[in-house]
């Protein structure tokens, strides 16, 4: 009975760890893409158009850059929090499985 409970908890811990690992890998793989989509286009367009834009356009580009940076921060924080929550759940499940193994012995 105790070993069945332990195996169930161990399987749950393994599934949560696999999910957390996959989520973290996806986060790491997509983070650089998000950063590139924010930090490359605006300065690149500004460099391309620097001789053809008026002075007040720099304020627009600066505002767009700051706005996109804030948007990236919000999106990246949410994704990072999801990874942290998944890792925490996997750790707690592993602790529960270890506790069940210790109590069954």
C-alpha atoms as a PDB file:
ATOM      1  CA  UNK A   1       0.000   0.000   0.000  1.00  0.00           C
ATOM      2  CA  UNK A   2       2.759   2.431   0.969  1.00  0.00           C
ATOM      3  CA  UNK A   3       4.817   1.511  -2.085  1.00  0.00           C
ATOM      4  CA  UNK A   4       1.821   2.083  -4.383  1.00  0.00           C
ATOM      5  CA  UNK A   5       1.396   5.547  -2.875  1.00  0.00           C
ATOM      6  CA  UNK A   6       5.123   6.165  -3.214  1.00  0.00           C
ATOM      7  CA  UNK A   7       5.136   5.054  -6.862  1.00  0.00           C
ATOM      8  CA  UNK A   8       2.134   7.260  -7.613  1.00  0.00           C
ATOM      9  CA  UNK A   9       3.855  10.248  -6.040  1.00  0.00           C
ATOM     10  CA  UNK A  10       7.095   9.419  -7.836  1.00  0.00           C
ATOM     11  CA  UNK A  11       5.294   9.265 -11.198  1.00  0.00           C
ATOM     12  CA  UNK A  12       3.595  12.569 -10.480  1.00  0.00           C
ATOM     13  CA  UNK A  13       6.930  14.120  -9.540  1.00  0.00           C
ATOM     14  CA  UNK A  14       8.534  12.779 -12.727  1.00  0.00           C
ATOM     15  CA  UNK A  15       5.686  14.132 -14.870  1.00  0.00           C
ATOM     16  CA  UNK A  16       5.874  17.546 -13.205  1.00  0.00           C
ATOM     17  CA  UNK A  17       9.661  17.623 -13.604  1.00  0.00           C
ATOM     18  CA  UNK A  18       9.364  16.757 -17.298  1.00  0.00           C
ATOM     19  CA  UNK A  19       6.750  19.484 -17.748  1.00  0.00           C
ATOM     20  CA  UNK A  20       8.911  22.011 -15.905  1.00  0.00           C
ATOM     21  CA  UNK A  21      11.965  21.071 -17.960  1.00  0.00           C
ATOM     22  CA  UNK A  22      10.040  21.412 -21.218  1.00  0.00           C
ATOM     23  CA  UNK A  23       8.599  24.759 -20.139  1.00  0.00           C
ATOM     24  CA  UNK A  24      12.028  26.056 -19.149  1.00  0.00           C
ATOM     25  CA  UNK A  25      13.584  24.881 -22.416  1.00  0.00           C
ATOM     26  CA  UNK A  26      10.842  26.612 -24.395  1.00  0.00           C
ATOM     27  CA  UNK A  27      11.330  29.776 -22.341  1.00  0.00           C
ATOM     28  CA  UNK A  28      15.079  29.798 -22.968  1.00  0.00           C
ATOM     29  CA  UNK A  29      14.597  29.074 -26.659  1.00  0.00           C
ATOM     30  CA  UNK A  30      12.064  31.854 -27.230  1.00  0.00           C
ATOM     31  CA  UNK A  31      13.535  34.545 -24.988  1.00  0.00           C
ATOM     32  CA  UNK A  32      16.275  35.546 -27.408  1.00  0.00           C
ATOM     33  CA  UNK A  33      13.706  35.799 -30.210  1.00  0.00           C
ATOM     34  CA  UNK A  34      11.576  38.177 -28.145  1.00  0.00           C
ATOM     35  CA  UNK A  35      14.611  40.280 -27.291  1.00  0.00           C
ATOM     36  CA  UNK A  36      15.680  40.416 -30.935  1.00  0.00           C
ATOM     37  CA  UNK A  37      12.180  41.436 -32.034  1.00  0.00           C
ATOM     38  CA  UNK A  38      12.255  44.362 -29.608  1.00  0.00           C
ATOM     39  CA  UNK A  39      15.832  45.568 -29.538  1.00  0.00           C
ATOM     40  CA  UNK A  40      16.787  45.254 -33.222  1.00  0.00           C
ATOM     41  CA  UNK A  41      13.974  46.699 -35.403  1.00  0.00           C
ATOM     42  CA  UNK A  42      13.532  50.128 -33.801  1.00  0.00           C
ATOM     43  CA  UNK A  43      17.232  51.095 -33.727  1.00  0.00           C
ATOM     44  CA  UNK A  44      17.683  49.580 -37.208  1.00  0.00           C
ATOM     45  CA  UNK A  45      14.842  51.635 -38.663  1.00  0.00           C
ATOM     46  CA  UNK A  46      16.200  54.706 -36.903  1.00  0.00           C
ATOM     47  CA  UNK A  47      19.632  54.187 -38.447  1.00  0.00           C
ATOM     48  CA  UNK A  48      18.121  53.641 -41.880  1.00  0.00           C
ATOM     49  CA  UNK A  49      15.987  56.765 -41.695  1.00  0.00           C
ATOM     50  CA  UNK A  50      18.316  59.056 -39.735  1.00  0.00           C
ATOM     51  CA  UNK A  51      18.923  61.380 -42.665  1.00  0.00           C
ATOM     52  CA  UNK A  52      15.270  61.619 -43.646  1.00  0.00           C
ATOM     53  CA  UNK A  53      13.473  62.145 -40.330  1.00  0.00           C
ATOM     54  CA  UNK A  54      12.905  65.339 -38.434  1.00  0.00           C
ATOM     55  CA  UNK A  55      14.116  65.940 -34.881  1.00  0.00           C
ATOM     56  CA  UNK A  56      10.760  65.228 -33.243  1.00  0.00           C
ATOM     57  CA  UNK A  57      10.700  61.754 -34.794  1.00  0.00           C
ATOM     58  CA  UNK A  58      13.493  60.770 -32.431  1.00  0.00           C
ATOM     59  CA  UNK A  59      11.047  61.246 -29.566  1.00  0.00           C
ATOM     60  CA  UNK A  60       8.600  58.895 -31.291  1.00  0.00           C
ATOM     61  CA  UNK A  61      11.294  56.276 -31.792  1.00  0.00           C
ATOM     62  CA  UNK A  62      12.426  56.694 -28.184  1.00  0.00           C
ATOM     63  CA  UNK A  63       8.864  56.260 -26.926  1.00  0.00           C
ATOM     64  CA  UNK A  64       8.376  53.210 -29.116  1.00  0.00           C
ATOM     65  CA  UNK A  65      11.639  51.750 -27.847  1.00  0.00           C
ATOM     66  CA  UNK A  66      10.697  52.312 -24.204  1.00  0.00           C
ATOM     67  CA  UNK A  67       7.162  51.015 -24.776  1.00  0.00           C
ATOM     68  CA  UNK A  68       8.385  47.867 -26.513  1.00  0.00           C
ATOM     69  CA  UNK A  69      10.964  47.322 -23.789  1.00  0.00           C
ATOM     70  CA  UNK A  70       8.272  47.566 -21.098  1.00  0.00           C
ATOM     71  CA  UNK A  71       6.060  45.184 -23.083  1.00  0.00           C
ATOM     72  CA  UNK A  72       8.947  42.711 -23.357  1.00  0.00           C
ATOM     73  CA  UNK A  73       9.599  42.978 -19.619  1.00  0.00           C
ATOM     74  CA  UNK A  74       5.957  42.128 -18.846  1.00  0.00           C
ATOM     75  CA  UNK A  75       5.858  39.172 -21.248  1.00  0.00           C
ATOM     76  CA  UNK A  76       9.229  37.846 -20.110  1.00  0.00           C
ATOM     77  CA  UNK A  77       8.290  38.193 -16.436  1.00  0.00           C
ATOM     78  CA  UNK A  78       5.106  36.192 -16.971  1.00  0.00           C
ATOM     79  CA  UNK A  79       6.973  33.430 -18.791  1.00  0.00           C
ATOM     80  CA  UNK A  80       9.679  33.354 -16.126  1.00  0.00           C
ATOM     81  CA  UNK A  81       7.060  33.171 -13.362  1.00  0.00           C
ATOM     82  CA  UNK A  82       5.399  30.220 -15.117  1.00  0.00           C
ATOM     83  CA  UNK A  83       8.758  28.406 -15.245  1.00  0.00           C
ATOM     84  CA  UNK A  84       9.420  29.148 -11.584  1.00  0.00           C
ATOM     85  CA  UNK A  85       5.973  27.892 -10.573  1.00  0.00           C
ATOM     86  CA  UNK A  86       6.430  24.680 -12.579  1.00  0.00           C
ATOM     87  CA  UNK A  87       9.848  24.061 -11.004  1.00  0.00           C
ATOM     88  CA  UNK A  88       8.449  24.737  -7.530  1.00  0.00           C
ATOM     89  CA  UNK A  89       5.576  22.296  -8.098  1.00  0.00           C
ATOM     90  CA  UNK A  90       8.036  19.654  -9.319  1.00  0.00           C
ATOM     91  CA  UNK A  91      10.252  20.191  -6.270  1.00  0.00           C
ATOM     92  CA  UNK A  92       7.292  19.899  -3.896  1.00  0.00           C
ATOM     93  CA  UNK A  93       6.103  16.715  -5.612  1.00  0.00           C
ATOM     94  CA  UNK A  94       9.600  15.249  -5.327  1.00  0.00           C
ATOM     95  CA  UNK A  95       9.729  16.129  -1.634  1.00  0.00           C
ATOM     96  CA  UNK A  96       6.346  14.445  -1.117  1.00  0.00           C
ATOM     97  CA  UNK A  97       7.567  11.330  -2.942  1.00  0.00           C
ATOM     98  CA  UNK A  98      10.748  11.273  -0.860  1.00  0.00           C
ATOM     99  CA  UNK A  99       8.722  11.688   2.326  1.00  0.00           C
ATOM    100  CA  UNK A 100       6.439   8.813   1.303  1.00  0.00           C
ATOM    101  CA  UNK A 101       9.474   6.628   0.588  1.00  0.00           C
ATOM    102  CA  UNK A 102      11.004   7.461   3.963  1.00  0.00           C
ATOM    103  CA  UNK A 103       7.773   6.817   5.880  1.00  0.00           C
ATOM    104  CA  UNK A 104       7.147   3.480   4.121  1.00  0.00           C
ATOM    105  CA  UNK A 105      10.566   2.120   5.118  1.00  0.00           C
END
